[in-house]
Amino acid sequence: MIFNSVQYVAFLAVVVGIYWRLPRRGQNLLVLVASYVFYGAWDARFLVLIAISTVVDFVVGTRLGREGTSGRSRRGWLVVSIAVNLGILGFFKYAGFFATSFAALAAKVGVEVSPFVLDVVLPVGISFYTFQTLSYTIDVYRGRFPPTHDLLDFATYVAFFPQLVAGPIERAANLLPQFAHQRRRPDAATLRSGLGLIALGLVMKVVVADALGPYVDDAYAAPREMGGLHMLLATYAFGLQIYADFAGYTAVARGSARLLGVELMRNFEQPYLSTNITDFWRTWHISLSTWLRDYLYIPLGGNRGTAWRTGRNLMITMLLGGLWHGASWNFVIWGGLHGAFLVVHRRLRRPERRRDLALRDLPSILVTFHAVTFAWIFFRAPTFADARSVIGAIVTWRDRDLPLDLPWVLAAAVVLTLTIDLAQRRTGWQLPFPTWPRVARGLAYGTAAVLFVVFSGQPIQPFIYFQF
């Protein structure tokens, strides 16, 4: 299995301890070996898939960069990259889904079909590194990024362990040049910020996400037996759980990379403080939303043309974005809901840039938050029938027993998450606490340490986005 938090910190400490004693290429080789060890600790067999994507896209990029290559030949090489990467992703992630869906559709019209379904293990993080390597070949094809001729640099870019299994999905233009040039040893301020990001991410994961996880799991495991208030609170809890879990992972990834002299992009910017759904998608999983925008929405036509075409492009993009998350119609529905929200918002009001928050923004924030939370039901429920049961329990407000500690744990998670987000928004820093007065800073650090110790004894839950 992928390392737990303690194992990961120890692993990172060993890598950093050796890393700064090596020259640039030695550093890259160490990171590549460490990345393969890190991924191989889960299942070494699937290292072959990363190696295939790496070699194929390196060769394709090199061929695309050759002078005199005809347009037809260039398109052919791009097709090779797309076919190999999406072929691997499609087989491991969607083969069974499409086979069973086709069989179910055929049965509705009276045709018996026995689908050939393989019991295939889904490789951890395959969607992330597949999109990352695809962005490289597409950018080289478009002439927006020069191809690299150093296989070691490229392999390190593809497999960089801090963000390998759950992003952010880095563009070659940002990450690859950092491996192609000498990194600067972090100074004291950079070291503090890197360690601070790791600590922040672990607190969000352990104190918020892992504390809420068991309540969410119990409620969504049997929604037909739960009361309305129980399912409502569990749904709110999942909204906070997935945010703290994923944003916490990103913070750990960014902090880890910073200790290695590498800077990763920000993947979250207080999304639950968004005043509209468009703003939410500018601040939630930014690396995916911008990937979908640049490589799918804009090539489809973007917002050029009629309002109908813009709406169509938004719906296609979000439906495929939902399917990217997993082989389930529930993810497609989740993406479709967000597509519909975006279409409605665009028709009612032109998207605006983010601005400082004021009390008058609270109604818009609450409406946006509840629209997103409603869609989370389909994201979290195992099946469509389960999602209907969750909604039914909330709407009919069934009276059932409620775990007495759930409201208190949820309230504490809300306060902690809101404190972090508001502080980040106010200062513009992901680590806002160093700007606070010494007493307030001490209270914040002390409270975080106590909470981490208290909640670290509970069962460890894997990061949610490892399954994507």
Protein backbone atom coordinates (compact mmCIF):
# COMPACT_ATOMS: atom_id res chain seq x y z
CA MET A 1 0.00 0.00 0.00
CA ILE A 2 0.99 3.66 -0.38
CA PHE A 3 2.90 4.92 2.68
CA ASN A 4 0.92 6.26 5.65
CA SER A 5 1.69 9.74 7.00
CA VAL A 6 4.49 8.67 9.37
CA GLN A 7 6.14 6.46 6.75
CA TYR A 8 5.89 9.21 4.14
CA VAL A 9 7.52 11.82 6.38
CA ALA A 10 10.36 9.40 7.18
CA PHE A 11 10.76 8.55 3.49
CA LEU A 12 10.82 12.24 2.55
CA ALA A 13 13.42 13.00 5.26
CA VAL A 14 15.76 10.31 3.87
CA VAL A 15 15.35 11.58 0.29
CA VAL A 16 15.95 15.22 1.29
CA GLY A 17 18.96 14.23 3.40
CA ILE A 18 20.68 12.65 0.37
CA TYR A 19 19.28 14.98 -2.30
CA TRP A 20 21.24 18.16 -1.53
CA ARG A 21 24.55 16.28 -1.52
CA LEU A 22 24.18 15.44 -5.22
CA PRO A 23 24.63 17.36 -8.50
CA ARG A 24 21.57 18.15 -10.63
CA ARG A 25 21.44 14.90 -12.61
CA GLY A 26 22.15 12.91 -9.47
CA GLN A 27 19.23 14.68 -7.80
CA ASN A 28 16.96 13.80 -10.71
CA LEU A 29 18.07 10.17 -10.64
CA LEU A 30 17.47 10.00 -6.88
CA VAL A 31 13.99 11.52 -7.25
CA LEU A 32 13.14 9.12 -10.09
CA VAL A 33 14.26 6.07 -8.09
CA ALA A 34 12.46 7.37 -4.99
CA SER A 35 9.30 7.96 -7.04
CA TYR A 36 9.35 4.42 -8.40
CA VAL A 37 9.97 3.02 -4.91
CA PHE A 38 7.12 5.15 -3.55
CA TYR A 39 4.69 3.97 -6.24
CA GLY A 40 6.00 0.42 -6.22
CA ALA A 41 5.26 0.14 -2.50
CA TRP A 42 1.60 -0.05 -3.54
CA ASP A 43 2.00 -2.43 -6.51
CA ALA A 44 5.27 -2.69 -8.41
CA ARG A 45 3.57 -4.24 -11.44
CA PHE A 46 2.00 -0.95 -12.43
CA LEU A 47 5.35 0.79 -12.69
CA VAL A 48 5.35 -0.68 -16.20
CA LEU A 49 2.42 1.58 -17.11
CA ILE A 50 4.24 4.70 -15.95
CA ALA A 51 7.32 3.60 -17.87
CA ILE A 52 5.28 3.02 -21.05
CA SER A 53 3.66 6.46 -20.86
CA THR A 54 7.05 8.03 -20.16
CA VAL A 55 8.87 6.40 -23.08
CA VAL A 56 6.04 6.83 -25.57
CA ASP A 57 5.51 10.52 -24.84
CA PHE A 58 9.24 11.23 -24.74
CA VAL A 59 9.64 9.67 -28.21
CA VAL A 60 6.52 11.42 -29.51
CA GLY A 61 7.72 14.78 -28.20
CA THR A 62 11.11 14.27 -29.83
CA ARG A 63 9.53 13.37 -33.16
CA LEU A 64 7.15 16.33 -32.99
CA GLY A 65 10.09 18.65 -32.40
CA ARG A 66 12.02 17.60 -35.48
CA GLU A 67 12.27 20.20 -38.22
CA GLY A 68 10.69 19.31 -41.52
CA THR A 69 8.11 16.96 -40.07
CA SER A 70 4.96 17.31 -42.16
CA GLY A 71 1.65 18.29 -40.70
CA ARG A 72 0.19 14.86 -41.44
CA SER A 73 3.12 13.12 -39.77
CA ARG A 74 2.86 15.40 -36.74
CA ARG A 75 -0.82 14.59 -36.36
CA GLY A 76 0.03 10.92 -36.62
CA TRP A 77 2.54 11.11 -33.78
CA LEU A 78 0.05 13.02 -31.63
CA VAL A 79 -2.54 10.30 -32.31
CA VAL A 80 0.00 7.71 -31.12
CA SER A 81 0.38 9.56 -27.79
CA ILE A 82 -3.36 10.00 -27.33
CA ALA A 83 -4.14 6.41 -28.33
CA VAL A 84 -1.53 4.85 -26.01
CA ASN A 85 -2.34 7.01 -23.00
CA LEU A 86 -6.13 6.95 -23.30
CA GLY A 87 -6.00 3.30 -24.34
CA ILE A 88 -4.24 2.33 -21.11
CA LEU A 89 -6.50 4.60 -19.05
CA GLY A 90 -9.63 3.30 -20.82
CA PHE A 91 -8.73 -0.35 -20.34
CA PHE A 92 -7.91 -0.15 -16.65
CA LYS A 93 -10.58 2.35 -15.69
CA TYR A 94 -13.52 2.02 -18.06
CA ALA A 95 -13.53 -1.37 -19.86
CA GLY A 96 -15.78 -3.07 -17.33
CA PHE A 97 -18.01 -0.01 -16.97
CA PHE A 98 -18.77 0.28 -20.68
CA ALA A 99 -19.20 -3.48 -21.09
CA THR A 100 -21.77 -3.74 -18.29
CA SER A 101 -23.51 -0.53 -19.41
CA PHE A 102 -23.84 -1.89 -22.97
CA ALA A 103 -25.22 -5.19 -21.65
CA ALA A 104 -27.77 -3.36 -19.49
CA LEU A 105 -28.84 -1.18 -22.44
CA ALA A 106 -29.20 -4.24 -24.70
CA ALA A 107 -31.30 -6.00 -22.06
CA LYS A 108 -33.76 -3.11 -22.08
CA VAL A 109 -34.51 -3.76 -25.75
CA GLY A 110 -34.75 -7.52 -25.25
CA VAL A 111 -31.26 -8.55 -26.37
CA GLU A 112 -29.26 -10.83 -24.10
CA VAL A 113 -25.58 -9.90 -24.00
CA SER A 114 -22.99 -11.47 -21.72
CA PRO A 115 -20.36 -8.79 -21.17
CA PHE A 116 -16.72 -9.83 -21.01
CA VAL A 117 -15.72 -8.07 -17.81
CA LEU A 118 -12.22 -8.34 -16.35
CA ASP A 119 -11.60 -7.97 -12.65
CA VAL A 120 -9.00 -5.26 -13.20
CA VAL A 121 -7.28 -3.43 -10.35
CA LEU A 122 -7.32 0.32 -10.92
CA PRO A 123 -3.75 1.67 -10.75
CA VAL A 124 -3.42 4.46 -8.19
CA GLY A 125 -3.15 7.93 -9.73
CA ILE A 126 -3.42 6.74 -13.34
CA SER A 127 -5.76 9.58 -14.31
CA PHE A 128 -3.34 12.17 -12.93
CA TYR A 129 -0.12 11.12 -14.61
CA THR A 130 -1.96 10.26 -17.85
CA PHE A 131 -3.33 13.81 -18.14
CA GLN A 132 0.08 15.20 -17.18
CA THR A 133 1.95 13.37 -19.94
CA LEU A 134 -0.81 14.10 -22.47
CA SER A 135 -0.56 17.83 -21.78
CA TYR A 136 3.15 17.65 -22.65
CA THR A 137 2.66 16.09 -26.09
CA ILE A 138 -0.29 18.35 -26.91
CA ASP A 139 1.69 21.47 -25.95
CA VAL A 140 4.67 20.32 -28.03
CA TYR A 141 2.33 19.63 -30.96
CA ARG A 142 0.83 23.11 -30.65
CA GLY A 143 4.30 24.66 -30.54
CA ARG A 144 3.73 26.07 -27.05
CA PHE A 145 6.56 24.13 -25.43
CA PRO A 146 9.85 22.84 -26.85
CA PRO A 147 10.41 19.09 -26.55
CA THR A 148 12.97 17.84 -24.08
CA HIS A 149 15.79 15.61 -25.29
CA ASP A 150 16.73 14.38 -21.83
CA LEU A 151 14.87 11.20 -20.89
CA LEU A 152 15.94 11.43 -17.22
CA ASP A 153 14.49 14.93 -16.87
CA PHE A 154 11.25 13.85 -18.54
CA ALA A 155 10.90 10.65 -16.52
CA THR A 156 11.39 12.65 -13.31
CA TYR A 157 8.71 15.11 -14.44
CA VAL A 158 6.22 12.29 -15.06
CA ALA A 159 6.88 10.33 -11.85
CA PHE A 160 7.69 13.11 -9.32
CA PHE A 161 6.55 11.36 -6.13
CA PRO A 162 5.10 14.30 -4.11
CA GLN A 163 2.33 14.78 -6.69
CA LEU A 164 2.37 11.47 -8.56
CA VAL A 165 -0.77 9.83 -7.19
CA ALA A 166 -3.16 12.77 -6.66
CA GLY A 167 -1.76 15.83 -8.38
CA PRO A 168 -1.74 18.66 -8.93
CA ILE A 169 -1.65 17.85 -12.66
CA GLU A 170 1.40 19.88 -13.59
CA ARG A 171 2.07 21.33 -17.04
CA ALA A 172 5.47 20.66 -18.55
CA ALA A 173 6.05 24.41 -18.92
CA ASN A 174 6.03 24.78 -15.13
CA LEU A 175 7.59 21.60 -13.81
CA LEU A 176 9.91 20.20 -16.49
CA PRO A 177 12.28 23.24 -16.63
CA GLN A 178 12.77 22.92 -12.87
CA PHE A 179 14.29 19.48 -13.41
CA ALA A 180 16.30 20.68 -16.40
CA HIS A 181 18.14 23.34 -14.36
CA GLN A 182 20.01 23.40 -11.09
CA ARG A 183 17.74 23.90 -8.09
CA ARG A 184 18.60 26.33 -5.33
CA ARG A 185 18.99 24.96 -1.83
CA PRO A 186 16.05 26.28 0.25
CA ASP A 187 16.86 29.10 2.63
CA ALA A 188 15.44 29.29 6.14
CA ALA A 189 12.21 30.97 5.01
CA THR A 190 11.62 28.42 2.25
CA LEU A 191 12.39 25.57 4.63
CA ARG A 192 9.87 26.91 7.16
CA SER A 193 7.20 27.35 4.50
CA GLY A 194 7.77 23.84 3.15
CA LEU A 195 7.53 22.26 6.60
CA GLY A 196 4.55 24.51 7.37
CA LEU A 197 2.68 23.31 4.27
CA ILE A 198 3.32 19.69 5.22
CA ALA A 199 2.08 20.34 8.76
CA LEU A 200 -0.99 22.20 7.48
CA GLY A 201 -1.81 19.37 5.08
CA LEU A 202 -1.46 16.71 7.77
CA VAL A 203 -3.71 18.67 10.15
CA MET A 204 -6.37 19.03 7.44
CA LYS A 205 -6.13 15.34 6.62
CA VAL A 206 -5.99 13.91 10.14
CA VAL A 207 -8.01 16.41 12.18
CA VAL A 208 -10.75 17.19 9.64
CA ALA A 209 -10.94 14.56 6.89
CA ASP A 210 -10.14 11.45 8.94
CA ALA A 211 -12.28 12.61 11.86
CA LEU A 212 -15.33 13.01 9.61
CA GLY A 213 -14.70 9.96 7.45
CA PRO A 214 -16.18 7.26 9.72
CA TYR A 215 -19.44 9.20 10.12
CA VAL A 216 -19.73 9.64 6.36
CA ASP A 217 -18.91 5.98 5.69
CA ASP A 218 -21.50 4.70 8.19
CA ALA A 219 -24.27 6.94 6.86
CA TYR A 220 -23.64 6.31 3.16
CA ALA A 221 -23.23 2.56 3.70
CA ALA A 222 -26.92 2.25 4.61
CA PRO A 223 -28.80 5.44 3.58
CA ARG A 224 -32.17 3.65 3.63
CA GLU A 225 -31.81 3.13 7.37
CA MET A 226 -30.72 6.67 8.26
CA GLY A 227 -32.82 9.62 9.34
CA GLY A 228 -33.08 12.88 7.46
CA LEU A 229 -30.94 14.93 9.84
CA HIS A 230 -28.32 12.17 9.95
CA MET A 231 -27.99 12.05 6.15
CA LEU A 232 -27.96 15.85 5.87
CA LEU A 233 -25.15 16.21 8.41
CA ALA A 234 -23.26 13.31 6.81
CA THR A 235 -23.53 15.02 3.43
CA TYR A 236 -22.20 18.28 4.86
CA ALA A 237 -19.47 16.21 6.52
CA PHE A 238 -18.48 14.67 3.18
CA GLY A 239 -18.22 18.09 1.58
CA LEU A 240 -15.71 19.09 4.27
CA GLN A 241 -14.02 15.69 4.26
CA ILE A 242 -13.22 15.66 0.55
CA TYR A 243 -12.02 19.28 0.65
CA ALA A 244 -9.75 18.77 3.67
CA ASP A 245 -8.55 15.43 2.32
CA PHE A 246 -7.65 16.67 -1.16
CA ALA A 247 -6.45 20.16 -0.21
CA GLY A 248 -4.46 18.56 2.61
CA TYR A 249 -2.76 16.20 0.17
CA THR A 250 -1.93 19.11 -2.14
CA ALA A 251 -0.43 21.09 0.75
CA VAL A 252 1.77 18.12 1.69
CA ALA A 253 2.80 17.70 -1.96
CA ARG A 254 3.70 21.39 -2.33
CA GLY A 255 5.60 21.42 0.95
CA SER A 256 7.51 18.26 0.05
CA ALA A 257 8.44 19.62 -3.37
CA ARG A 258 9.59 22.90 -1.82
CA LEU A 259 12.07 21.01 0.38
CA LEU A 260 13.51 19.63 -2.88
CA GLY A 261 13.77 23.07 -4.46
CA VAL A 262 10.71 22.51 -6.68
CA GLU A 263 7.60 24.68 -6.77
CA LEU A 264 4.20 23.13 -7.55
CA MET A 265 1.08 25.08 -8.47
CA ARG A 266 -1.69 25.84 -6.01
CA ASN A 267 -4.61 23.49 -6.52
CA PHE A 268 -7.14 25.08 -4.13
CA GLU A 269 -7.97 28.65 -3.17
CA GLN A 270 -10.77 28.56 -0.59
CA PRO A 271 -13.41 27.11 -2.96
CA TYR A 272 -16.18 27.05 -0.34
CA LEU A 273 -15.97 30.84 -0.07
CA SER A 274 -16.98 31.17 -3.73
CA THR A 275 -19.93 33.41 -4.51
CA ASN A 276 -20.92 31.53 -7.68
CA ILE A 277 -20.34 28.19 -9.37
CA THR A 278 -17.94 29.62 -11.96
CA ASP A 279 -15.79 30.99 -9.16
CA PHE A 280 -15.94 27.59 -7.45
CA TRP A 281 -14.39 25.92 -10.49
CA ARG A 282 -11.68 28.58 -10.64
CA THR A 283 -10.65 27.61 -7.10
CA TRP A 284 -11.42 23.87 -6.77
CA HIS A 285 -8.94 21.33 -8.21
CA ILE A 286 -7.46 24.13 -10.31
CA SER A 287 -5.05 21.87 -12.18
CA LEU A 288 -7.92 19.71 -13.48
CA SER A 289 -10.32 22.57 -14.23
CA THR A 290 -7.66 24.43 -16.22
CA TRP A 291 -6.68 21.19 -18.01
CA LEU A 292 -10.29 20.63 -19.05
CA ARG A 293 -10.54 24.27 -20.13
CA ASP A 294 -7.36 24.30 -22.23
CA TYR A 295 -7.50 20.83 -23.78
CA LEU A 296 -11.23 20.21 -24.08
CA TYR A 297 -13.49 23.25 -23.58
CA ILE A 298 -11.52 25.71 -25.75
CA PRO A 299 -10.88 23.19 -28.58
CA LEU A 300 -14.62 22.49 -28.61
CA GLY A 301 -15.19 26.19 -29.23
CA GLY A 302 -15.26 27.58 -25.69
CA ASN A 303 -17.51 30.60 -25.38
CA ARG A 304 -17.07 31.53 -29.03
CA GLY A 305 -20.34 31.44 -30.90
CA THR A 306 -23.92 31.33 -29.71
CA ALA A 307 -25.08 30.88 -26.13
CA TRP A 308 -26.38 27.42 -27.09
CA ARG A 309 -22.95 26.33 -28.34
CA THR A 310 -21.28 27.69 -25.23
CA GLY A 311 -23.72 25.75 -23.08
CA ARG A 312 -23.13 22.61 -25.13
CA ASN A 313 -19.37 22.96 -24.72
CA LEU A 314 -19.72 23.44 -20.97
CA MET A 315 -21.93 20.37 -20.65
CA ILE A 316 -19.61 18.14 -22.71
CA THR A 317 -16.59 19.33 -20.72
CA MET A 318 -18.17 18.74 -17.33
CA LEU A 319 -19.72 15.39 -18.30
CA LEU A 320 -16.29 14.15 -19.39
CA GLY A 321 -14.78 15.75 -16.28
CA GLY A 322 -17.21 13.71 -14.20
CA LEU A 323 -16.32 10.53 -16.07
CA TRP A 324 -12.61 11.28 -15.48
CA HIS A 325 -13.27 10.77 -11.78
CA GLY A 326 -14.47 7.22 -12.17
CA ALA A 327 -16.32 4.56 -14.12
CA SER A 328 -19.79 5.20 -12.74
CA TRP A 329 -22.93 6.91 -13.98
CA ASN A 330 -23.02 8.71 -10.65
CA PHE A 331 -19.83 10.59 -11.61
CA VAL A 332 -21.41 11.44 -14.97
CA ILE A 333 -24.48 12.81 -13.16
CA TRP A 334 -22.22 14.78 -10.84
CA GLY A 335 -20.43 16.30 -13.82
CA GLY A 336 -23.75 16.95 -15.56
CA LEU A 337 -25.09 18.80 -12.53
CA HIS A 338 -22.04 21.06 -12.44
CA GLY A 339 -22.35 21.59 -16.19
CA ALA A 340 -25.99 22.62 -15.73
CA PHE A 341 -25.06 24.92 -12.84
CA LEU A 342 -22.40 26.60 -15.02
CA VAL A 343 -24.79 27.00 -17.95
CA VAL A 344 -27.48 28.55 -15.74
CA HIS A 345 -25.02 30.89 -14.07
CA ARG A 346 -23.62 32.02 -17.43
CA ARG A 347 -27.11 32.73 -18.73
CA LEU A 348 -28.24 34.59 -15.62
CA ARG A 349 -25.09 36.52 -14.88
CA ARG A 350 -21.75 36.95 -16.59
CA PRO A 351 -18.89 35.40 -14.56
CA GLU A 352 -17.05 37.94 -12.44
CA ARG A 353 -13.54 37.98 -11.06
CA ARG A 354 -13.07 37.24 -7.38
CA ARG A 355 -13.03 40.19 -5.03
CA ASP A 356 -12.76 40.77 -1.32
CA LEU A 357 -15.59 39.17 0.60
CA ALA A 358 -18.21 41.21 2.44
CA LEU A 359 -21.20 40.28 4.58
CA ARG A 360 -23.50 40.89 1.62
CA ASP A 361 -21.81 37.96 -0.16
CA LEU A 362 -23.01 35.45 2.45
CA PRO A 363 -26.29 34.51 0.64
CA SER A 364 -24.39 33.86 -2.61
CA ILE A 365 -21.77 31.81 -0.79
CA LEU A 366 -24.46 29.70 0.92
CA VAL A 367 -26.36 29.11 -2.33
CA THR A 368 -23.16 28.06 -4.12
CA PHE A 369 -22.08 25.84 -1.25
CA HIS A 370 -25.44 24.04 -1.14
CA ALA A 371 -25.50 23.52 -4.90
CA VAL A 372 -22.03 21.95 -4.68
CA THR A 373 -23.05 19.90 -1.62
CA PHE A 374 -26.14 18.56 -3.38
CA ALA A 375 -23.96 17.37 -6.27
CA TRP A 376 -21.60 15.70 -3.78
CA ILE A 377 -24.39 13.22 -2.97
CA PHE A 378 -23.96 11.58 -6.40
CA PHE A 379 -20.17 11.74 -6.08
CA ARG A 380 -20.17 9.91 -2.73
CA ALA A 381 -23.08 7.48 -3.07
CA PRO A 382 -21.97 4.08 -4.44
CA THR A 383 -24.97 3.77 -6.79
CA PHE A 384 -27.72 5.91 -8.23
CA ALA A 385 -30.24 4.05 -6.04
CA ASP A 386 -28.19 4.97 -2.97
CA ALA A 387 -28.11 8.61 -4.08
CA ARG A 388 -31.90 8.56 -4.39
CA SER A 389 -32.13 7.09 -0.90
CA VAL A 390 -29.93 9.85 0.51
CA ILE A 391 -32.07 12.54 -1.11
CA GLY A 392 -35.24 10.75 -0.04
CA ALA A 393 -34.11 10.58 3.57
CA ILE A 394 -33.34 14.30 3.61
CA VAL A 395 -36.50 15.40 1.78
CA THR A 396 -38.89 13.24 3.79
CA TRP A 397 -36.95 14.00 6.99
CA ARG A 398 -37.21 10.48 8.36
CA ASP A 399 -36.92 10.35 12.13
CA ARG A 400 -34.07 8.08 13.21
CA ASP A 401 -31.45 8.05 15.92
CA LEU A 402 -28.51 10.38 15.35
CA PRO A 403 -24.95 9.83 16.66
CA LEU A 404 -24.74 12.38 19.46
CA ASP A 405 -21.16 13.35 18.70
CA LEU A 406 -21.63 13.92 14.94
CA PRO A 407 -22.95 17.53 15.25
CA TRP A 408 -20.07 18.46 17.55
CA VAL A 409 -17.36 16.90 15.41
CA LEU A 410 -18.86 18.52 12.30
CA ALA A 411 -19.08 21.92 14.03
CA ALA A 412 -15.43 21.69 15.11
CA ALA A 413 -14.40 20.77 11.56
CA VAL A 414 -16.35 23.72 10.16
CA VAL A 415 -14.72 26.15 12.59
CA LEU A 416 -11.20 24.87 11.89
CA THR A 417 -11.64 24.83 8.10
CA LEU A 418 -13.29 28.24 8.04
CA THR A 419 -10.55 29.72 10.22
CA ILE A 420 -7.86 28.47 7.82
CA ASP A 421 -9.75 29.61 4.70
CA LEU A 422 -10.62 33.06 5.99
CA ALA A 423 -7.04 33.61 7.16
CA GLN A 424 -5.74 32.56 3.74
CA ARG A 425 -8.22 34.81 1.96
CA ARG A 426 -7.39 37.79 4.15
CA THR A 427 -3.61 37.53 3.74
CA GLY A 428 -3.37 35.93 0.31
CA TRP A 429 -0.91 33.39 1.74
CA GLN A 430 -1.50 29.67 2.02
CA LEU A 431 0.36 29.84 5.34
CA PRO A 432 -1.20 32.94 6.94
CA PHE A 433 -0.38 32.23 10.57
CA PRO A 434 3.20 33.62 10.60
CA THR A 435 1.67 37.07 10.02
CA TRP A 436 -0.42 36.86 13.19
CA PRO A 437 0.62 38.36 16.54
CA ARG A 438 2.87 36.09 18.59
CA VAL A 439 0.17 35.14 21.13
CA ALA A 440 -2.42 34.31 18.45
CA ARG A 441 0.20 32.38 16.49
CA GLY A 442 1.14 30.36 19.57
CA LEU A 443 -2.50 29.54 20.28
CA ALA A 444 -3.06 28.45 16.69
CA TYR A 445 0.02 26.21 16.61
CA GLY A 446 -0.72 24.79 20.06
CA THR A 447 -4.34 24.03 19.21
CA ALA A 448 -3.33 22.37 15.93
CA ALA A 449 -0.73 20.23 17.70
CA VAL A 450 -3.17 19.10 20.40
CA LEU A 451 -5.86 18.27 17.83
CA PHE A 452 -3.36 16.37 15.69
CA VAL A 453 -2.25 14.26 18.66
CA VAL A 454 -5.85 13.60 19.75
CA PHE A 455 -7.11 12.57 16.31
CA SER A 456 -3.98 10.75 15.10
CA GLY A 457 -4.96 7.67 17.10
CA GLN A 458 -7.98 6.93 14.92
CA PRO A 459 -7.87 4.45 12.00
CA ILE A 460 -5.90 5.79 9.02
CA GLN A 461 -8.01 6.42 5.94
CA PRO A 462 -6.47 6.54 2.45
CA PHE A 463 -6.65 9.80 0.55
CA ILE A 464 -9.93 9.92 -1.35
CA TYR A 465 -8.37 10.94 -4.66
CA PHE A 466 -5.99 7.95 -4.68
CA GLN A 467 -8.84 6.00 -6.29
CA PHE A 468 -8.91 8.34 -9.29
